[in-house]
Amino acid sequence: MKVSRVIEAKNVSHVYYGWHNELQLTVEGGELKITLDESSLRAIAQVCNKKIAEQDEEKAEEAKKLAAEKEALDKELEKSTEN
């Protein structure tokens, strides 16, 4: 028989990966301990790294957009002060 359980936890404050392939996450209200084999650890890392790359790309695009807007405003200000 397979037993599954969903645990909702927020705000991971500490992460530790121990000697016995145990991932420990300290969260609000307690701690999660998960035993992982190498393939599971790699799968988690792949998903996390992909998400981080997506977030970095979104932030870079937003920064580029803001820089272009600032440059346009600076040019407008420069034109208005010339007159």
C-alpha atoms as a PDB file:
ATOM      1  CA  MET A   1       0.000   0.000   0.000  1.00  0.00           C
ATOM      2  CA  LYS A   2       1.260   3.452  -0.944  1.00  0.00           C
ATOM      3  CA  VAL A   3       0.648   6.299   1.457  1.00  0.00           C
ATOM      4  CA  SER A   4       1.068   9.877   0.299  1.00  0.00           C
ATOM      5  CA  ARG A   5       0.713  13.103   2.138  1.00  0.00           C
ATOM      6  CA  VAL A   6       0.810  16.736   1.130  1.00  0.00           C
ATOM      7  CA  ILE A   7       2.637  19.048   3.475  1.00  0.00           C
ATOM      8  CA  GLU A   8       2.385  22.766   2.842  1.00  0.00           C
ATOM      9  CA  ALA A   9       5.301  24.725   4.215  1.00  0.00           C
ATOM     10  CA  LYS A  10       6.354  28.322   3.689  1.00  0.00           C
ATOM     11  CA  ASN A  11       9.512  30.327   4.024  1.00  0.00           C
ATOM     12  CA  VAL A  12      12.451  27.951   4.056  1.00  0.00           C
ATOM     13  CA  SER A  13      14.927  29.484   6.486  1.00  0.00           C
ATOM     14  CA  HIS A  14      17.662  26.844   6.300  1.00  0.00           C
ATOM     15  CA  VAL A  15      18.679  24.040   3.939  1.00  0.00           C
ATOM     16  CA  TYR A  16      21.088  21.239   4.756  1.00  0.00           C
ATOM     17  CA  TYR A  17      22.028  18.097   2.828  1.00  0.00           C
ATOM     18  CA  GLY A  18      23.534  15.533   5.166  1.00  0.00           C
ATOM     19  CA  TRP A  19      25.842  12.551   4.879  1.00  0.00           C
ATOM     20  CA  HIS A  20      23.074   9.992   4.573  1.00  0.00           C
ATOM     21  CA  ASN A  21      21.401  11.533   1.499  1.00  0.00           C
ATOM     22  CA  GLU A  22      18.957  13.404   3.685  1.00  0.00           C
ATOM     23  CA  LEU A  23      17.724  16.825   2.628  1.00  0.00           C
ATOM     24  CA  GLN A  24      16.654  18.888   5.620  1.00  0.00           C
ATOM     25  CA  LEU A  25      14.523  21.998   5.153  1.00  0.00           C
ATOM     26  CA  THR A  26      13.794  24.213   8.136  1.00  0.00           C
ATOM     27  CA  VAL A  27      10.475  25.992   7.575  1.00  0.00           C
ATOM     28  CA  GLU A  28       7.999  28.040   9.560  1.00  0.00           C
ATOM     29  CA  GLY A  29       6.634  25.680  12.157  1.00  0.00           C
ATOM     30  CA  GLY A  30       9.089  22.827  11.813  1.00  0.00           C
ATOM     31  CA  GLU A  31      11.447  20.831   9.681  1.00  0.00           C
ATOM     32  CA  LEU A  32      11.131  18.537   6.674  1.00  0.00           C
ATOM     33  CA  LYS A  33      13.527  15.639   6.220  1.00  0.00           C
ATOM     34  CA  ILE A  34      13.578  13.903   2.848  1.00  0.00           C
ATOM     35  CA  THR A  35      15.815  10.978   1.935  1.00  0.00           C
ATOM     36  CA  LEU A  36      16.917  11.247  -1.695  1.00  0.00           C
ATOM     37  CA  ASP A  37      18.899   9.049  -4.035  1.00  0.00           C
ATOM     38  CA  GLU A  38      21.237  10.665  -6.566  1.00  0.00           C
ATOM     39  CA  SER A  39      18.740  10.684  -9.417  1.00  0.00           C
ATOM     40  CA  SER A  40      16.098  12.375  -7.248  1.00  0.00           C
ATOM     41  CA  LEU A  41      18.588  14.984  -6.082  1.00  0.00           C
ATOM     42  CA  ARG A  42      19.596  15.685  -9.689  1.00  0.00           C
ATOM     43  CA  ALA A  43      15.943  15.968 -10.757  1.00  0.00           C
ATOM     44  CA  ILE A  44      15.259  18.512  -7.998  1.00  0.00           C
ATOM     45  CA  ALA A  45      18.394  20.467  -8.925  1.00  0.00           C
ATOM     46  CA  GLN A  46      17.402  20.507 -12.598  1.00  0.00           C
ATOM     47  CA  VAL A  47      13.930  21.877 -11.836  1.00  0.00           C
ATOM     48  CA  CYS A  48      15.312  24.501  -9.410  1.00  0.00           C
ATOM     49  CA  ASN A  49      18.072  25.596 -11.802  1.00  0.00           C
ATOM     50  CA  LYS A  50      15.572  25.940 -14.663  1.00  0.00           C
ATOM     51  CA  LYS A  51      13.266  28.082 -12.530  1.00  0.00           C
ATOM     52  CA  ILE A  52      16.153  30.275 -11.362  1.00  0.00           C
ATOM     53  CA  ALA A  53      17.268  30.784 -14.984  1.00  0.00           C
ATOM     54  CA  GLU A  54      13.722  31.782 -15.974  1.00  0.00           C
ATOM     55  CA  GLN A  55      13.490  34.266 -13.104  1.00  0.00           C
ATOM     56  CA  ASP A  56      16.908  35.729 -13.953  1.00  0.00           C
ATOM     57  CA  GLU A  57      15.835  36.158 -17.581  1.00  0.00           C
ATOM     58  CA  GLU A  58      12.602  37.890 -16.554  1.00  0.00           C
ATOM     59  CA  LYS A  59      14.513  40.243 -14.246  1.00  0.00           C
ATOM     60  CA  ALA A  60      17.057  41.044 -16.981  1.00  0.00           C
ATOM     61  CA  GLU A  61      14.264  41.819 -19.458  1.00  0.00           C
ATOM     62  CA  GLU A  62      12.547  44.085 -16.925  1.00  0.00           C
ATOM     63  CA  ALA A  63      15.818  45.880 -16.144  1.00  0.00           C
ATOM     64  CA  LYS A  64      16.453  46.393 -19.867  1.00  0.00           C
ATOM     65  CA  LYS A  65      12.941  47.791 -20.303  1.00  0.00           C
ATOM     66  CA  LEU A  66      13.381  50.179 -17.353  1.00  0.00           C
ATOM     67  CA  ALA A  67      16.767  51.321 -18.667  1.00  0.00           C
ATOM     68  CA  ALA A  68      15.238  52.092 -22.082  1.00  0.00           C
ATOM     69  CA  GLU A  69      12.405  54.036 -20.444  1.00  0.00           C
ATOM     70  CA  LYS A  70      14.888  56.012 -18.340  1.00  0.00           C
ATOM     71  CA  GLU A  71      16.984  56.792 -21.399  1.00  0.00           C
ATOM     72  CA  ALA A  72      13.891  58.045 -23.248  1.00  0.00           C
ATOM     73  CA  LEU A  73      12.929  60.249 -20.293  1.00  0.00           C
ATOM     74  CA  ASP A  74      16.469  61.587 -20.031  1.00  0.00           C
ATOM     75  CA  LYS A  75      16.421  62.519 -23.731  1.00  0.00           C
ATOM     76  CA  GLU A  76      13.060  64.273 -23.306  1.00  0.00           C
ATOM     77  CA  LEU A  77      14.391  66.200 -20.319  1.00  0.00           C
ATOM     78  CA  GLU A  78      17.528  67.134 -22.226  1.00  0.00           C
ATOM     79  CA  LYS A  79      15.444  68.451 -25.152  1.00  0.00           C
ATOM     80  CA  SER A  80      13.171  70.460 -22.846  1.00  0.00           C
ATOM     81  CA  THR A  81      16.113  72.099 -21.075  1.00  0.00           C
ATOM     82  CA  GLU A  82      17.731  73.078 -24.405  1.00  0.00           C
ATOM     83  CA  ASN A  83      14.730  75.201 -25.331  1.00  0.00           C
END
